[in-house]
Amino acid sequence: MCPCCKPTGFSLIAMVVALVAAGGFAAFSDDQPKSDAKTVKSDPYPLDTCIVSGEKLGTMGKPVVKEYDGREVRFCCNGCVKQFEDKKAEMFKKIDEKIVAQQLPHYPLKNCVVMSEDELTPETAHGPVNYVYKNRLVRFCCGDCVADFNKNPAPFLKKIDEAVIKEQKPDYPLDVDVVTGDTLGDESIDRVYGVTLVRFANEDSVAKFNADPLTYTAKLREAWMSKHPDSNATPIDKSGKDPKNPQTGHDHG
């Protein structure tokens, strides 16, 4: 039982992908340019544990889903929400570390998404910077590019999505919708969550996936491992290796 639930008797929650914490930090101030939350919707919370209690999401019932400045966070119970909000910056830092560790091994770009001629190498004096935006990893050659990204994230995210789809679609392990089981055809919808391609038969399936990503992510992981049994990791692997001396930036909205 979640420790914070003992005095309250609350029960609830469930969701996506366990992992290890990532390396060093270079936090960005809250006065950075922010994008319009209506333009870029947050990915579902990509971790399978509550950041407050450490409890597995889903072991105590339906997840408690909250949104902070346009970014989704899930909790094991209502009792954890206030503890999160009392230390929101610290908690987001922990979430971001885990997201970086989760998504870094399959990040599709070798170069900065803003300065495309600049390679993402750990030896540079100012980077690379691992930045978490709306629950997904975005990598930059330096901190200056983060500000440029935040002015208009959509085209840069589209660039990452296109790279993920190009890399993963040929080996995608399912020929049916992971939610409904319907056959994927020419009109299928390709969506990228973090650094993972998920294919859907229609928009109704997208909505169902977003409501309960833990269930469908587990099915997709099993399919990847079944199709590629010799692979050491899948695009939705539970853990990742840290780069040498990474910097990590944070976006809370």
C-alpha atoms as a PDB file:
ATOM      1  CA  MET A   1       0.000   0.000   0.000  1.00  0.00           C
ATOM      2  CA  CYS A   2       1.145   3.529  -0.821  1.00  0.00           C
ATOM      3  CA  PRO A   3       2.401   5.072   2.456  1.00  0.00           C
ATOM      4  CA  CYS A   4       0.559   8.306   1.842  1.00  0.00           C
ATOM      5  CA  CYS A   5      -2.748   6.451   1.570  1.00  0.00           C
ATOM      6  CA  LYS A   6      -2.684   4.848   5.005  1.00  0.00           C
ATOM      7  CA  PRO A   7      -4.156   7.840   6.872  1.00  0.00           C
ATOM      8  CA  THR A   8      -6.636   8.726   4.125  1.00  0.00           C
ATOM      9  CA  GLY A   9      -7.870   5.383   2.838  1.00  0.00           C
ATOM     10  CA  PHE A  10      -7.660   6.521  -0.765  1.00  0.00           C
ATOM     11  CA  SER A  11      -7.227   3.991  -3.539  1.00  0.00           C
ATOM     12  CA  LEU A  12      -6.771   4.482  -7.304  1.00  0.00           C
ATOM     13  CA  ILE A  13      -4.468   4.379 -10.467  1.00  0.00           C
ATOM     14  CA  ALA A  14      -2.577   2.822 -13.448  1.00  0.00           C
ATOM     15  CA  MET A  15      -0.036   3.451 -16.339  1.00  0.00           C
ATOM     16  CA  VAL A  16       3.046   2.975 -18.598  1.00  0.00           C
ATOM     17  CA  VAL A  17       6.846   1.973 -18.421  1.00  0.00           C
ATOM     18  CA  ALA A  18       9.269   1.665 -15.440  1.00  0.00           C
ATOM     19  CA  LEU A  19      12.819   2.921 -15.584  1.00  0.00           C
ATOM     20  CA  VAL A  20      16.041   4.175 -14.092  1.00  0.00           C
ATOM     21  CA  ALA A  21      17.118   7.759 -13.403  1.00  0.00           C
ATOM     22  CA  ALA A  22      19.288   9.649 -15.848  1.00  0.00           C
ATOM     23  CA  GLY A  23      22.516  11.588 -15.335  1.00  0.00           C
ATOM     24  CA  GLY A  24      23.415  15.211 -14.549  1.00  0.00           C
ATOM     25  CA  PHE A  25      21.365  18.365 -14.563  1.00  0.00           C
ATOM     26  CA  ALA A  26      21.273  21.773 -16.206  1.00  0.00           C
ATOM     27  CA  ALA A  27      17.868  23.120 -15.282  1.00  0.00           C
ATOM     28  CA  PHE A  28      16.239  25.954 -17.211  1.00  0.00           C
ATOM     29  CA  SER A  29      14.437  28.847 -15.570  1.00  0.00           C
ATOM     30  CA  ASP A  30      10.669  29.102 -15.547  1.00  0.00           C
ATOM     31  CA  ASP A  31      10.767  32.354 -17.538  1.00  0.00           C
ATOM     32  CA  GLN A  32      11.624  30.545 -20.778  1.00  0.00           C
ATOM     33  CA  PRO A  33       9.358  31.170 -23.750  1.00  0.00           C
ATOM     34  CA  LYS A  34       6.451  28.732 -23.533  1.00  0.00           C
ATOM     35  CA  SER A  35       4.454  27.352 -26.422  1.00  0.00           C
ATOM     36  CA  ASP A  36       0.674  27.442 -26.597  1.00  0.00           C
ATOM     37  CA  ALA A  37      -0.602  24.344 -24.791  1.00  0.00           C
ATOM     38  CA  LYS A  38      -3.495  24.219 -27.269  1.00  0.00           C
ATOM     39  CA  THR A  39      -1.051  23.746 -30.120  1.00  0.00           C
ATOM     40  CA  VAL A  40       0.934  20.818 -28.726  1.00  0.00           C
ATOM     41  CA  LYS A  41      -0.900  18.390 -26.474  1.00  0.00           C
ATOM     42  CA  SER A  42       1.007  16.508 -23.805  1.00  0.00           C
ATOM     43  CA  ASP A  43       1.862  12.862 -24.358  1.00  0.00           C
ATOM     44  CA  PRO A  44       0.270  10.575 -21.768  1.00  0.00           C
ATOM     45  CA  TYR A  45       2.378  10.177 -18.648  1.00  0.00           C
ATOM     46  CA  PRO A  46       5.072   7.719 -19.812  1.00  0.00           C
ATOM     47  CA  LEU A  47       6.108   6.120 -16.496  1.00  0.00           C
ATOM     48  CA  ASP A  48       4.495   3.089 -14.848  1.00  0.00           C
ATOM     49  CA  THR A  49       5.134   4.166 -11.256  1.00  0.00           C
ATOM     50  CA  CYS A  50       3.864   7.031  -9.118  1.00  0.00           C
ATOM     51  CA  ILE A  51       6.633   9.603  -8.751  1.00  0.00           C
ATOM     52  CA  VAL A  52       5.609  10.310  -5.135  1.00  0.00           C
ATOM     53  CA  SER A  53       5.158   6.857  -3.632  1.00  0.00           C
ATOM     54  CA  GLY A  54       7.045   4.664  -6.088  1.00  0.00           C
ATOM     55  CA  GLU A  55       3.980   2.407  -6.294  1.00  0.00           C
ATOM     56  CA  LYS A  56       3.212   0.666  -9.568  1.00  0.00           C
ATOM     57  CA  LEU A  57       0.398   2.489 -11.321  1.00  0.00           C
ATOM     58  CA  GLY A  58      -2.632   0.250 -11.607  1.00  0.00           C
ATOM     59  CA  THR A  59      -2.070  -1.782  -8.469  1.00  0.00           C
ATOM     60  CA  MET A  60      -4.449   0.428  -6.509  1.00  0.00           C
ATOM     61  CA  GLY A  61      -7.154   0.912  -9.097  1.00  0.00           C
ATOM     62  CA  LYS A  62      -7.685   3.497 -11.795  1.00  0.00           C
ATOM     63  CA  PRO A  63      -4.982   6.182 -12.085  1.00  0.00           C
ATOM     64  CA  VAL A  64      -5.457   9.696 -10.780  1.00  0.00           C
ATOM     65  CA  VAL A  65      -4.706  11.879 -13.793  1.00  0.00           C
ATOM     66  CA  LYS A  66      -3.741  15.524 -13.375  1.00  0.00           C
ATOM     67  CA  GLU A  67      -2.521  18.203 -15.755  1.00  0.00           C
ATOM     68  CA  TYR A  68       0.020  20.876 -14.848  1.00  0.00           C
ATOM     69  CA  ASP A  69       0.533  23.693 -17.362  1.00  0.00           C
ATOM     70  CA  GLY A  70      -0.616  21.390 -20.137  1.00  0.00           C
ATOM     71  CA  ARG A  71       1.476  18.410 -19.028  1.00  0.00           C
ATOM     72  CA  GLU A  72      -0.052  15.130 -17.838  1.00  0.00           C
ATOM     73  CA  VAL A  73       1.031  13.436 -14.591  1.00  0.00           C
ATOM     74  CA  ARG A  74      -0.472  10.241 -13.110  1.00  0.00           C
ATOM     75  CA  PHE A  75      -0.562   9.185  -9.471  1.00  0.00           C
ATOM     76  CA  CYS A  76      -1.261   5.975  -7.581  1.00  0.00           C
ATOM     77  CA  CYS A  77      -3.814   7.727  -5.347  1.00  0.00           C
ATOM     78  CA  ASN A  78      -5.309  11.091  -4.480  1.00  0.00           C
ATOM     79  CA  GLY A  79      -3.127  11.227  -1.375  1.00  0.00           C
ATOM     80  CA  CYS A  80      -0.028  11.672  -3.526  1.00  0.00           C
ATOM     81  CA  VAL A  81      -1.337  14.689  -5.417  1.00  0.00           C
ATOM     82  CA  LYS A  82      -0.817  17.242  -2.649  1.00  0.00           C
ATOM     83  CA  GLN A  83       2.659  15.903  -1.860  1.00  0.00           C
ATOM     84  CA  PHE A  84       3.529  16.349  -5.544  1.00  0.00           C
ATOM     85  CA  GLU A  85       2.144  19.862  -5.681  1.00  0.00           C
ATOM     86  CA  ASP A  86       3.996  20.888  -2.511  1.00  0.00           C
ATOM     87  CA  LYS A  87       7.296  19.971  -4.193  1.00  0.00           C
ATOM     88  CA  LYS A  88       6.339  20.300  -7.841  1.00  0.00           C
ATOM     89  CA  ALA A  89       9.718  21.465  -9.180  1.00  0.00           C
ATOM     90  CA  GLU A  90      11.555  18.681  -7.371  1.00  0.00           C
ATOM     91  CA  MET A  91       9.043  16.085  -8.522  1.00  0.00           C
ATOM     92  CA  PHE A  92       9.177  17.205 -12.145  1.00  0.00           C
ATOM     93  CA  LYS A  93      12.954  16.967 -11.997  1.00  0.00           C
ATOM     94  CA  LYS A  94      12.647  13.321 -10.947  1.00  0.00           C
ATOM     95  CA  ILE A  95      10.082  12.623 -13.669  1.00  0.00           C
ATOM     96  CA  ASP A  96      12.316  14.201 -16.294  1.00  0.00           C
ATOM     97  CA  GLU A  97      15.303  12.117 -15.249  1.00  0.00           C
ATOM     98  CA  LYS A  98      13.263   8.960 -15.704  1.00  0.00           C
ATOM     99  CA  ILE A  99      11.853  10.042 -19.046  1.00  0.00           C
ATOM    100  CA  VAL A 100      15.330  10.793 -20.364  1.00  0.00           C
ATOM    101  CA  ALA A 101      16.547   7.368 -19.276  1.00  0.00           C
ATOM    102  CA  GLN A 102      13.526   5.707 -20.841  1.00  0.00           C
ATOM    103  CA  GLN A 103      13.577   7.443 -24.223  1.00  0.00           C
ATOM    104  CA  LEU A 104      17.257   8.146 -24.827  1.00  0.00           C
ATOM    105  CA  PRO A 105      18.250   4.703 -26.209  1.00  0.00           C
ATOM    106  CA  HIS A 106      15.827   5.055 -29.136  1.00  0.00           C
ATOM    107  CA  TYR A 107      15.968   8.791 -29.782  1.00  0.00           C
ATOM    108  CA  PRO A 108      16.027   8.951 -33.604  1.00  0.00           C
ATOM    109  CA  LEU A 109      18.151  12.020 -34.400  1.00  0.00           C
ATOM    110  CA  LYS A 110      21.939  12.146 -34.406  1.00  0.00           C
ATOM    111  CA  ASN A 111      21.963  15.923 -34.761  1.00  0.00           C
ATOM    112  CA  CYS A 112      20.286  18.822 -32.962  1.00  0.00           C
ATOM    113  CA  VAL A 113      16.656  19.215 -33.988  1.00  0.00           C
ATOM    114  CA  VAL A 114      17.110  23.019 -34.265  1.00  0.00           C
ATOM    115  CA  MET A 115      20.683  23.319 -35.581  1.00  0.00           C
ATOM    116  CA  SER A 116      20.585  20.280 -37.833  1.00  0.00           C
ATOM    117  CA  GLU A 117      24.245  20.591 -38.792  1.00  0.00           C
ATOM    118  CA  ASP A 118      25.397  20.196 -35.176  1.00  0.00           C
ATOM    119  CA  GLU A 119      25.955  16.664 -33.951  1.00  0.00           C
ATOM    120  CA  LEU A 120      24.707  15.514 -30.561  1.00  0.00           C
ATOM    121  CA  THR A 121      27.977  14.498 -28.969  1.00  0.00           C
ATOM    122  CA  PRO A 122      28.630  14.291 -25.226  1.00  0.00           C
ATOM    123  CA  GLU A 123      32.073  15.849 -25.606  1.00  0.00           C
ATOM    124  CA  THR A 124      30.872  19.373 -26.395  1.00  0.00           C
ATOM    125  CA  ALA A 125      31.317  22.063 -23.772  1.00  0.00           C
ATOM    126  CA  HIS A 126      27.656  23.115 -23.704  1.00  0.00           C
ATOM    127  CA  GLY A 127      25.798  19.920 -24.473  1.00  0.00           C
ATOM    128  CA  PRO A 128      24.088  17.966 -25.648  1.00  0.00           C
ATOM    129  CA  VAL A 129      21.062  19.044 -23.664  1.00  0.00           C
ATOM    130  CA  ASN A 130      18.375  16.459 -22.955  1.00  0.00           C
ATOM    131  CA  TYR A 131      15.143  18.422 -22.625  1.00  0.00           C
ATOM    132  CA  VAL A 132      11.755  17.032 -21.598  1.00  0.00           C
ATOM    133  CA  TYR A 133       8.822  18.704 -23.316  1.00  0.00           C
ATOM    134  CA  LYS A 134       5.229  17.555 -22.722  1.00  0.00           C
ATOM    135  CA  ASN A 135       6.510  14.157 -21.512  1.00  0.00           C
ATOM    136  CA  ARG A 136       8.817  13.515 -24.438  1.00  0.00           C
ATOM    137  CA  LEU A 137      12.571  13.810 -24.899  1.00  0.00           C
ATOM    138  CA  VAL A 138      13.974  16.435 -27.259  1.00  0.00           C
ATOM    139  CA  ARG A 139      17.749  16.779 -27.693  1.00  0.00           C
ATOM    140  CA  PHE A 140      19.741  19.913 -28.504  1.00  0.00           C
ATOM    141  CA  CYS A 141      23.367  20.792 -29.149  1.00  0.00           C
ATOM    142  CA  CYS A 142      23.203  23.544 -26.512  1.00  0.00           C
ATOM    143  CA  GLY A 143      20.869  25.475 -24.240  1.00  0.00           C
ATOM    144  CA  ASP A 144      20.378  28.317 -26.708  1.00  0.00           C
ATOM    145  CA  CYS A 145      18.475  25.988 -29.026  1.00  0.00           C
ATOM    146  CA  VAL A 146      15.933  25.219 -26.300  1.00  0.00           C
ATOM    147  CA  ALA A 147      14.666  28.805 -26.409  1.00  0.00           C
ATOM    148  CA  ASP A 148      14.347  28.649 -30.198  1.00  0.00           C
ATOM    149  CA  PHE A 149      12.434  25.383 -29.898  1.00  0.00           C
ATOM    150  CA  ASN A 150      10.025  26.783 -27.302  1.00  0.00           C
ATOM    151  CA  LYS A 151       9.000  29.643 -29.578  1.00  0.00           C
ATOM    152  CA  ASN A 152       7.320  27.131 -31.911  1.00  0.00           C
ATOM    153  CA  PRO A 153       7.751  23.472 -30.919  1.00  0.00           C
ATOM    154  CA  ALA A 154       5.350  21.927 -33.444  1.00  0.00           C
ATOM    155  CA  PRO A 155       7.608  21.829 -36.538  1.00  0.00           C
ATOM    156  CA  PHE A 156      10.535  20.462 -34.546  1.00  0.00           C
ATOM    157  CA  LEU A 157       8.379  17.750 -32.987  1.00  0.00           C
ATOM    158  CA  LYS A 158       7.111  16.888 -36.450  1.00  0.00           C
ATOM    159  CA  LYS A 159      10.716  16.425 -37.559  1.00  0.00           C
ATOM    160  CA  ILE A 160      11.338  13.986 -34.694  1.00  0.00           C
ATOM    161  CA  ASP A 161       8.078  12.163 -35.432  1.00  0.00           C
ATOM    162  CA  GLU A 162       9.027  11.719 -39.079  1.00  0.00           C
ATOM    163  CA  ALA A 163      12.396  10.258 -38.069  1.00  0.00           C
ATOM    164  CA  VAL A 164      10.745   7.828 -35.619  1.00  0.00           C
ATOM    165  CA  ILE A 165       8.201   6.678 -38.204  1.00  0.00           C
ATOM    166  CA  LYS A 166      10.854   6.219 -40.880  1.00  0.00           C
ATOM    167  CA  GLU A 167      13.031   4.183 -38.510  1.00  0.00           C
ATOM    168  CA  GLN A 168      10.380   2.002 -36.865  1.00  0.00           C
ATOM    169  CA  LYS A 169       7.604   1.528 -39.422  1.00  0.00           C
ATOM    170  CA  PRO A 170       9.409  -1.077 -41.569  1.00  0.00           C
ATOM    171  CA  ASP A 171       9.854  -3.326 -38.505  1.00  0.00           C
ATOM    172  CA  TYR A 172       6.600  -2.472 -36.725  1.00  0.00           C
ATOM    173  CA  PRO A 173       5.566  -5.733 -35.066  1.00  0.00           C
ATOM    174  CA  LEU A 174       1.788  -5.620 -35.579  1.00  0.00           C
ATOM    175  CA  ASP A 175      -0.424  -5.644 -38.660  1.00  0.00           C
ATOM    176  CA  VAL A 176      -3.462  -4.885 -36.509  1.00  0.00           C
ATOM    177  CA  ASP A 177      -4.514  -2.033 -34.231  1.00  0.00           C
ATOM    178  CA  VAL A 178      -3.049  -2.676 -30.761  1.00  0.00           C
ATOM    179  CA  VAL A 179      -6.298  -1.426 -29.181  1.00  0.00           C
ATOM    180  CA  THR A 180      -9.074  -2.980 -31.282  1.00  0.00           C
ATOM    181  CA  GLY A 181      -7.365  -5.713 -33.287  1.00  0.00           C
ATOM    182  CA  ASP A 182      -8.639  -4.184 -36.539  1.00  0.00           C
ATOM    183  CA  THR A 183      -6.401  -4.619 -39.572  1.00  0.00           C
ATOM    184  CA  LEU A 184      -4.094  -1.704 -40.316  1.00  0.00           C
ATOM    185  CA  GLY A 185      -4.615  -0.422 -43.849  1.00  0.00           C
ATOM    186  CA  ASP A 186      -3.692   2.495 -46.056  1.00  0.00           C
ATOM    187  CA  GLU A 187      -5.810   4.835 -43.924  1.00  0.00           C
ATOM    188  CA  SER A 188      -4.113   3.839 -40.674  1.00  0.00           C
ATOM    189  CA  ILE A 189      -2.944   6.570 -38.296  1.00  0.00           C
ATOM    190  CA  ASP A 190       0.700   6.751 -37.240  1.00  0.00           C
ATOM    191  CA  ARG A 191       1.297   8.431 -33.885  1.00  0.00           C
ATOM    192  CA  VAL A 192       4.556   8.920 -32.001  1.00  0.00           C
ATOM    193  CA  TYR A 193       4.630   8.755 -28.201  1.00  0.00           C
ATOM    194  CA  GLY A 194       8.008   9.849 -26.897  1.00  0.00           C
ATOM    195  CA  VAL A 195      10.241   7.892 -29.267  1.00  0.00           C
ATOM    196  CA  THR A 196       7.772   5.081 -29.975  1.00  0.00           C
ATOM    197  CA  LEU A 197       5.600   4.578 -33.047  1.00  0.00           C
ATOM    198  CA  VAL A 198       2.066   3.345 -32.379  1.00  0.00           C
ATOM    199  CA  ARG A 199      -0.245   2.599 -35.312  1.00  0.00           C
ATOM    200  CA  PHE A 200      -4.039   2.871 -35.137  1.00  0.00           C
ATOM    201  CA  ALA A 201      -6.968   1.954 -37.343  1.00  0.00           C
ATOM    202  CA  ASN A 202      -8.929   5.102 -36.443  1.00  0.00           C
ATOM    203  CA  GLU A 203      -9.129   8.080 -34.081  1.00  0.00           C
ATOM    204  CA  ASP A 204     -11.362   6.212 -31.622  1.00  0.00           C
ATOM    205  CA  SER A 205      -8.466   3.823 -30.997  1.00  0.00           C
ATOM    206  CA  VAL A 206      -6.130   6.764 -30.381  1.00  0.00           C
ATOM    207  CA  ALA A 207      -8.451   8.085 -27.669  1.00  0.00           C
ATOM    208  CA  LYS A 208      -8.719   4.667 -26.008  1.00  0.00           C
ATOM    209  CA  PHE A 209      -4.936   4.283 -26.040  1.00  0.00           C
ATOM    210  CA  ASN A 210      -4.461   7.709 -24.463  1.00  0.00           C
ATOM    211  CA  ALA A 211      -6.909   6.824 -21.683  1.00  0.00           C
ATOM    212  CA  ASP A 212      -5.123   3.587 -20.745  1.00  0.00           C
ATOM    213  CA  PRO A 213      -1.631   3.595 -22.285  1.00  0.00           C
ATOM    214  CA  LEU A 214      -0.202   1.108 -19.776  1.00  0.00           C
ATOM    215  CA  THR A 215      -2.340  -1.743 -21.056  1.00  0.00           C
ATOM    216  CA  TYR A 216      -1.624  -1.161 -24.723  1.00  0.00           C
ATOM    217  CA  THR A 217       2.036  -0.291 -24.301  1.00  0.00           C
ATOM    218  CA  ALA A 218       2.543  -3.662 -22.594  1.00  0.00           C
ATOM    219  CA  LYS A 219       0.921  -5.414 -25.561  1.00  0.00           C
ATOM    220  CA  LEU A 220       3.076  -3.493 -28.007  1.00  0.00           C
ATOM    221  CA  ARG A 221       6.239  -4.307 -26.057  1.00  0.00           C
ATOM    222  CA  GLU A 222       5.368  -8.008 -26.122  1.00  0.00           C
ATOM    223  CA  ALA A 223       4.858  -7.804 -29.883  1.00  0.00           C
ATOM    224  CA  TRP A 224       8.228  -6.125 -30.394  1.00  0.00           C
ATOM    225  CA  MET A 225      10.013  -8.756 -28.324  1.00  0.00           C
ATOM    226  CA  SER A 226       8.190 -11.574 -30.104  1.00  0.00           C
ATOM    227  CA  LYS A 227       9.135 -10.260 -33.541  1.00  0.00           C
ATOM    228  CA  HIS A 228      12.696  -9.333 -32.530  1.00  0.00           C
ATOM    229  CA  PRO A 229      13.685 -11.899 -29.865  1.00  0.00           C
ATOM    230  CA  ASP A 230      17.408 -11.172 -30.236  1.00  0.00           C
ATOM    231  CA  SER A 231      16.987  -7.462 -29.568  1.00  0.00           C
ATOM    232  CA  ASN A 232      18.396  -6.094 -26.311  1.00  0.00           C
ATOM    233  CA  ALA A 233      15.759  -3.376 -26.153  1.00  0.00           C
ATOM    234  CA  THR A 234      12.557  -2.220 -27.796  1.00  0.00           C
ATOM    235  CA  PRO A 235      11.498   1.357 -28.597  1.00  0.00           C
ATOM    236  CA  ILE A 236       9.506   1.193 -25.355  1.00  0.00           C
ATOM    237  CA  ASP A 237      12.160  -0.477 -23.244  1.00  0.00           C
ATOM    238  CA  LYS A 238      11.853  -0.087 -19.479  1.00  0.00           C
ATOM    239  CA  SER A 239      15.304   1.357 -18.930  1.00  0.00           C
ATOM    240  CA  GLY A 240      18.081   3.111 -20.741  1.00  0.00           C
ATOM    241  CA  LYS A 241      21.759   3.839 -20.609  1.00  0.00           C
ATOM    242  CA  ASP A 242      22.863   7.342 -19.711  1.00  0.00           C
ATOM    243  CA  PRO A 243      25.228   9.225 -22.012  1.00  0.00           C
ATOM    244  CA  LYS A 244      28.492  10.599 -20.702  1.00  0.00           C
ATOM    245  CA  ASN A 245      27.942  13.831 -18.769  1.00  0.00           C
ATOM    246  CA  PRO A 246      24.466  14.592 -20.107  1.00  0.00           C
ATOM    247  CA  GLN A 247      22.714  17.822 -19.352  1.00  0.00           C
ATOM    248  CA  THR A 248      19.013  17.687 -18.674  1.00  0.00           C
ATOM    249  CA  GLY A 249      16.588  20.542 -19.191  1.00  0.00           C
ATOM    250  CA  HIS A 250      12.995  20.657 -18.042  1.00  0.00           C
ATOM    251  CA  ASP A 251       9.708  21.930 -19.292  1.00  0.00           C
ATOM    252  CA  HIS A 252       6.742  22.136 -16.934  1.00  0.00           C
ATOM    253  CA  GLY A 253       4.215  23.396 -19.419  1.00  0.00           C
END
